[in-house]
């Protein structure tokens, strides 16, 4: 099932069951998706929807960090619950070993030999790992592996 259709069905189910948290998170996510569709002027693909969900997850993680520093445990708990709902729509995260294999394949495929050619590798790699691995971790791993060559 398409991810947007899944979100719509889950919204209906959460409304029926009275799950206010899930309803709120799905509505916010639907608004983000709709805004991106308006900007793009066409419907989003599943990969683009996953990017939107990933961006929302990243916002929640940053908010959790900020609220934690500010001593607002109530808001940390709320954001953590929202993050859990959002993560349920993302594909399973890649293990470090799986990520390393994908990075090695991308380096071979792009024939990159130095860290200056990191862009080629990232261009091949990011569509495969979006929503499954943090971009900072991926770029650090690519940089490390290219500097070894």
C-alpha atoms as a PDB file:
ATOM      1  CA  UNK A   1       0.000   0.000   0.000  1.00  0.00           C
ATOM      2  CA  UNK A   2       1.203   3.496  -0.816  1.00  0.00           C
ATOM      3  CA  UNK A   3       2.487   5.366   2.243  1.00  0.00           C
ATOM      4  CA  UNK A   4       0.093   8.326   1.878  1.00  0.00           C
ATOM      5  CA  UNK A   5      -2.863   5.936   1.654  1.00  0.00           C
ATOM      6  CA  UNK A   6      -1.565   4.132   4.736  1.00  0.00           C
ATOM      7  CA  UNK A   7      -1.428   7.446   6.611  1.00  0.00           C
ATOM      8  CA  UNK A   8      -5.018   8.219   5.606  1.00  0.00           C
ATOM      9  CA  UNK A   9      -6.229   4.817   6.793  1.00  0.00           C
ATOM     10  CA  UNK A  10      -4.304   5.148  10.053  1.00  0.00           C
ATOM     11  CA  UNK A  11      -5.787   8.605  10.606  1.00  0.00           C
ATOM     12  CA  UNK A  12      -9.295   7.199  10.219  1.00  0.00           C
ATOM     13  CA  UNK A  13      -8.487   4.347  12.612  1.00  0.00           C
ATOM     14  CA  UNK A  14      -6.984   6.678  15.215  1.00  0.00           C
ATOM     15  CA  UNK A  15     -10.017   8.974  14.995  1.00  0.00           C
ATOM     16  CA  UNK A  16     -12.343   5.999  15.552  1.00  0.00           C
ATOM     17  CA  UNK A  17     -10.311   4.709  18.490  1.00  0.00           C
ATOM     18  CA  UNK A  18      -9.893   8.148  20.068  1.00  0.00           C
ATOM     19  CA  UNK A  19      -6.076   8.038  20.017  1.00  0.00           C
ATOM     20  CA  UNK A  20      -5.441  11.779  20.235  1.00  0.00           C
ATOM     21  CA  UNK A  21      -1.653  11.580  20.067  1.00  0.00           C
ATOM     22  CA  UNK A  22      -1.589   9.440  16.921  1.00  0.00           C
ATOM     23  CA  UNK A  23      -4.317  11.566  15.309  1.00  0.00           C
ATOM     24  CA  UNK A  24      -2.381  14.752  16.030  1.00  0.00           C
ATOM     25  CA  UNK A  25       0.911  13.396  14.694  1.00  0.00           C
ATOM     26  CA  UNK A  26      -0.650  12.007  11.498  1.00  0.00           C
ATOM     27  CA  UNK A  27      -2.486  15.288  10.864  1.00  0.00           C
ATOM     28  CA  UNK A  28       0.741  17.275  11.257  1.00  0.00           C
ATOM     29  CA  UNK A  29       2.562  14.855   8.990  1.00  0.00           C
ATOM     30  CA  UNK A  30      -0.222  15.065   6.394  1.00  0.00           C
ATOM     31  CA  UNK A  31       0.087  18.856   6.455  1.00  0.00           C
ATOM     32  CA  UNK A  32       3.854  18.642   5.905  1.00  0.00           C
ATOM     33  CA  UNK A  33       3.302  16.269   2.982  1.00  0.00           C
ATOM     34  CA  UNK A  34       0.596  18.508   1.498  1.00  0.00           C
ATOM     35  CA  UNK A  35       2.879  21.564   1.772  1.00  0.00           C
ATOM     36  CA  UNK A  36       5.668  19.709  -0.019  1.00  0.00           C
ATOM     37  CA  UNK A  37       3.234  18.664  -2.747  1.00  0.00           C
ATOM     38  CA  UNK A  38       2.165  22.288  -3.202  1.00  0.00           C
ATOM     39  CA  UNK A  39       5.815  23.385  -3.439  1.00  0.00           C
ATOM     40  CA  UNK A  40       6.595  20.599  -5.925  1.00  0.00           C
ATOM     41  CA  UNK A  41       3.286  21.048  -7.785  1.00  0.00           C
ATOM     42  CA  UNK A  42       2.810  17.294  -8.060  1.00  0.00           C
ATOM     43  CA  UNK A  43       2.120  14.336  -5.747  1.00  0.00           C
ATOM     44  CA  UNK A  44       5.033  13.033  -3.696  1.00  0.00           C
ATOM     45  CA  UNK A  45       6.504   9.601  -4.282  1.00  0.00           C
ATOM     46  CA  UNK A  46       6.882   7.171  -1.383  1.00  0.00           C
ATOM     47  CA  UNK A  47      10.598   8.067  -1.202  1.00  0.00           C
ATOM     48  CA  UNK A  48       9.729  11.759  -0.858  1.00  0.00           C
ATOM     49  CA  UNK A  49       7.129  10.955   1.804  1.00  0.00           C
ATOM     50  CA  UNK A  50       9.816   9.025   3.698  1.00  0.00           C
ATOM     51  CA  UNK A  51      12.073  12.092   3.452  1.00  0.00           C
ATOM     52  CA  UNK A  52       9.285  14.203   4.958  1.00  0.00           C
ATOM     53  CA  UNK A  53       8.841  11.716   7.800  1.00  0.00           C
ATOM     54  CA  UNK A  54      12.609  11.654   8.378  1.00  0.00           C
ATOM     55  CA  UNK A  55      12.701  15.449   8.549  1.00  0.00           C
ATOM     56  CA  UNK A  56       9.866  15.408  11.093  1.00  0.00           C
ATOM     57  CA  UNK A  57      11.746  12.800  13.148  1.00  0.00           C
ATOM     58  CA  UNK A  58      14.868  14.918  13.100  1.00  0.00           C
ATOM     59  CA  UNK A  59      12.863  17.942  14.310  1.00  0.00           C
ATOM     60  CA  UNK A  60      11.468  15.882  17.183  1.00  0.00           C
ATOM     61  CA  UNK A  61      14.939  14.637  18.146  1.00  0.00           C
ATOM     62  CA  UNK A  62      16.289  18.193  18.217  1.00  0.00           C
ATOM     63  CA  UNK A  63      13.306  19.328  20.279  1.00  0.00           C
ATOM     64  CA  UNK A  64      13.837  16.471  22.752  1.00  0.00           C
ATOM     65  CA  UNK A  65      17.456  17.543  23.138  1.00  0.00           C
ATOM     66  CA  UNK A  66      16.514  21.202  23.682  1.00  0.00           C
ATOM     67  CA  UNK A  67      13.716  20.439  26.137  1.00  0.00           C
ATOM     68  CA  UNK A  68      16.013  18.077  28.016  1.00  0.00           C
ATOM     69  CA  UNK A  69      18.571  20.855  28.443  1.00  0.00           C
ATOM     70  CA  UNK A  70      15.802  23.199  29.541  1.00  0.00           C
ATOM     71  CA  UNK A  71      14.538  20.783  32.185  1.00  0.00           C
ATOM     72  CA  UNK A  72      11.101  20.348  30.599  1.00  0.00           C
ATOM     73  CA  UNK A  73      10.518  16.641  31.132  1.00  0.00           C
ATOM     74  CA  UNK A  74       6.814  16.953  30.267  1.00  0.00           C
ATOM     75  CA  UNK A  75       7.689  18.215  26.782  1.00  0.00           C
ATOM     76  CA  UNK A  76      10.464  15.627  26.399  1.00  0.00           C
ATOM     77  CA  UNK A  77       7.897  12.887  27.077  1.00  0.00           C
ATOM     78  CA  UNK A  78       5.423  14.381  24.583  1.00  0.00           C
ATOM     79  CA  UNK A  79       8.024  14.723  21.821  1.00  0.00           C
ATOM     80  CA  UNK A  80       9.329  11.205  22.513  1.00  0.00           C
ATOM     81  CA  UNK A  81       5.832   9.776  22.108  1.00  0.00           C
ATOM     82  CA  UNK A  82       5.362  11.693  18.836  1.00  0.00           C
ATOM     83  CA  UNK A  83       8.749  10.476  17.616  1.00  0.00           C
ATOM     84  CA  UNK A  84       7.736   6.868  18.267  1.00  0.00           C
ATOM     85  CA  UNK A  85       4.605   7.313  16.131  1.00  0.00           C
ATOM     86  CA  UNK A  86       6.611   8.873  13.294  1.00  0.00           C
ATOM     87  CA  UNK A  87       9.274   6.171  13.400  1.00  0.00           C
ATOM     88  CA  UNK A  88       6.617   3.505  12.955  1.00  0.00           C
ATOM     89  CA  UNK A  89       6.202   4.780   9.360  1.00  0.00           C
ATOM     90  CA  UNK A  90       9.900   4.615   8.508  1.00  0.00           C
ATOM     91  CA  UNK A  91      11.558   1.519   7.070  1.00  0.00           C
ATOM     92  CA  UNK A  92      13.711  -0.516   9.458  1.00  0.00           C
ATOM     93  CA  UNK A  93      17.021   1.145  10.296  1.00  0.00           C
ATOM     94  CA  UNK A  94      20.186  -0.221   8.742  1.00  0.00           C
ATOM     95  CA  UNK A  95      22.678  -1.979  10.968  1.00  0.00           C
ATOM     96  CA  UNK A  96      26.254  -0.599  10.938  1.00  0.00           C
ATOM     97  CA  UNK A  97      27.400  -3.661   8.948  1.00  0.00           C
ATOM     98  CA  UNK A  98      24.665  -3.252   6.313  1.00  0.00           C
ATOM     99  CA  UNK A  99      25.473   0.450   6.011  1.00  0.00           C
ATOM    100  CA  UNK A 100      29.159  -0.299   5.557  1.00  0.00           C
ATOM    101  CA  UNK A 101      28.382  -2.775   2.753  1.00  0.00           C
ATOM    102  CA  UNK A 102      26.189  -0.196   0.982  1.00  0.00           C
ATOM    103  CA  UNK A 103      28.918   2.449   1.294  1.00  0.00           C
ATOM    104  CA  UNK A 104      31.533   0.061  -0.173  1.00  0.00           C
ATOM    105  CA  UNK A 105      29.218  -0.774  -3.083  1.00  0.00           C
ATOM    106  CA  UNK A 106      28.581   2.925  -3.773  1.00  0.00           C
ATOM    107  CA  UNK A 107      32.321   3.669  -3.716  1.00  0.00           C
ATOM    108  CA  UNK A 108      32.984   0.824  -6.169  1.00  0.00           C
ATOM    109  CA  UNK A 109      30.102   1.858  -8.398  1.00  0.00           C
ATOM    110  CA  UNK A 110      31.124   5.533  -8.507  1.00  0.00           C
ATOM    111  CA  UNK A 111      34.832   4.660  -8.834  1.00  0.00           C
ATOM    112  CA  UNK A 112      35.648   7.363  -6.289  1.00  0.00           C
ATOM    113  CA  UNK A 113      39.244   7.375  -5.104  1.00  0.00           C
ATOM    114  CA  UNK A 114      39.552  10.400  -2.821  1.00  0.00           C
ATOM    115  CA  UNK A 115      37.448  12.376  -0.334  1.00  0.00           C
ATOM    116  CA  UNK A 116      37.040  15.071  -3.020  1.00  0.00           C
ATOM    117  CA  UNK A 117      34.774  12.670  -4.913  1.00  0.00           C
ATOM    118  CA  UNK A 118      32.494  12.178  -1.921  1.00  0.00           C
ATOM    119  CA  UNK A 119      29.589  13.861  -3.741  1.00  0.00           C
ATOM    120  CA  UNK A 120      29.439  11.091  -6.346  1.00  0.00           C
ATOM    121  CA  UNK A 121      29.239   8.436  -3.647  1.00  0.00           C
ATOM    122  CA  UNK A 122      26.625  10.315  -1.619  1.00  0.00           C
ATOM    123  CA  UNK A 123      24.476  10.842  -4.727  1.00  0.00           C
ATOM    124  CA  UNK A 124      24.363   7.075  -5.267  1.00  0.00           C
ATOM    125  CA  UNK A 125      23.993   6.201  -1.610  1.00  0.00           C
ATOM    126  CA  UNK A 126      21.389   8.586  -0.208  1.00  0.00           C
ATOM    127  CA  UNK A 127      18.395   7.287  -2.196  1.00  0.00           C
ATOM    128  CA  UNK A 128      19.134   3.819  -0.781  1.00  0.00           C
ATOM    129  CA  UNK A 129      19.514   4.873   2.860  1.00  0.00           C
ATOM    130  CA  UNK A 130      17.039   7.753   3.238  1.00  0.00           C
ATOM    131  CA  UNK A 131      14.932   7.128   6.306  1.00  0.00           C
ATOM    132  CA  UNK A 132      17.039   4.121   7.251  1.00  0.00           C
ATOM    133  CA  UNK A 133      20.257   5.861   8.384  1.00  0.00           C
ATOM    134  CA  UNK A 134      21.257   9.322   9.619  1.00  0.00           C
ATOM    135  CA  UNK A 135      22.865  11.391   6.869  1.00  0.00           C
ATOM    136  CA  UNK A 136      25.630  12.628   9.197  1.00  0.00           C
ATOM    137  CA  UNK A 137      26.653   9.079  10.044  1.00  0.00           C
ATOM    138  CA  UNK A 138      26.560   8.087   6.375  1.00  0.00           C
ATOM    139  CA  UNK A 139      28.722  11.034   5.273  1.00  0.00           C
ATOM    140  CA  UNK A 140      31.218  10.411   8.083  1.00  0.00           C
ATOM    141  CA  UNK A 141      31.507   6.755   7.056  1.00  0.00           C
ATOM    142  CA  UNK A 142      31.936   7.660   3.373  1.00  0.00           C
ATOM    143  CA  UNK A 143      34.606  10.239   4.229  1.00  0.00           C
ATOM    144  CA  UNK A 144      36.434   7.728   6.453  1.00  0.00           C
ATOM    145  CA  UNK A 145      36.392   4.993   3.812  1.00  0.00           C
ATOM    146  CA  UNK A 146      37.496   7.326   1.014  1.00  0.00           C
ATOM    147  CA  UNK A 147      40.376   8.683   3.078  1.00  0.00           C
ATOM    148  CA  UNK A 148      41.635   5.105   3.618  1.00  0.00           C
ATOM    149  CA  UNK A 149      41.911   4.575  -0.159  1.00  0.00           C
END
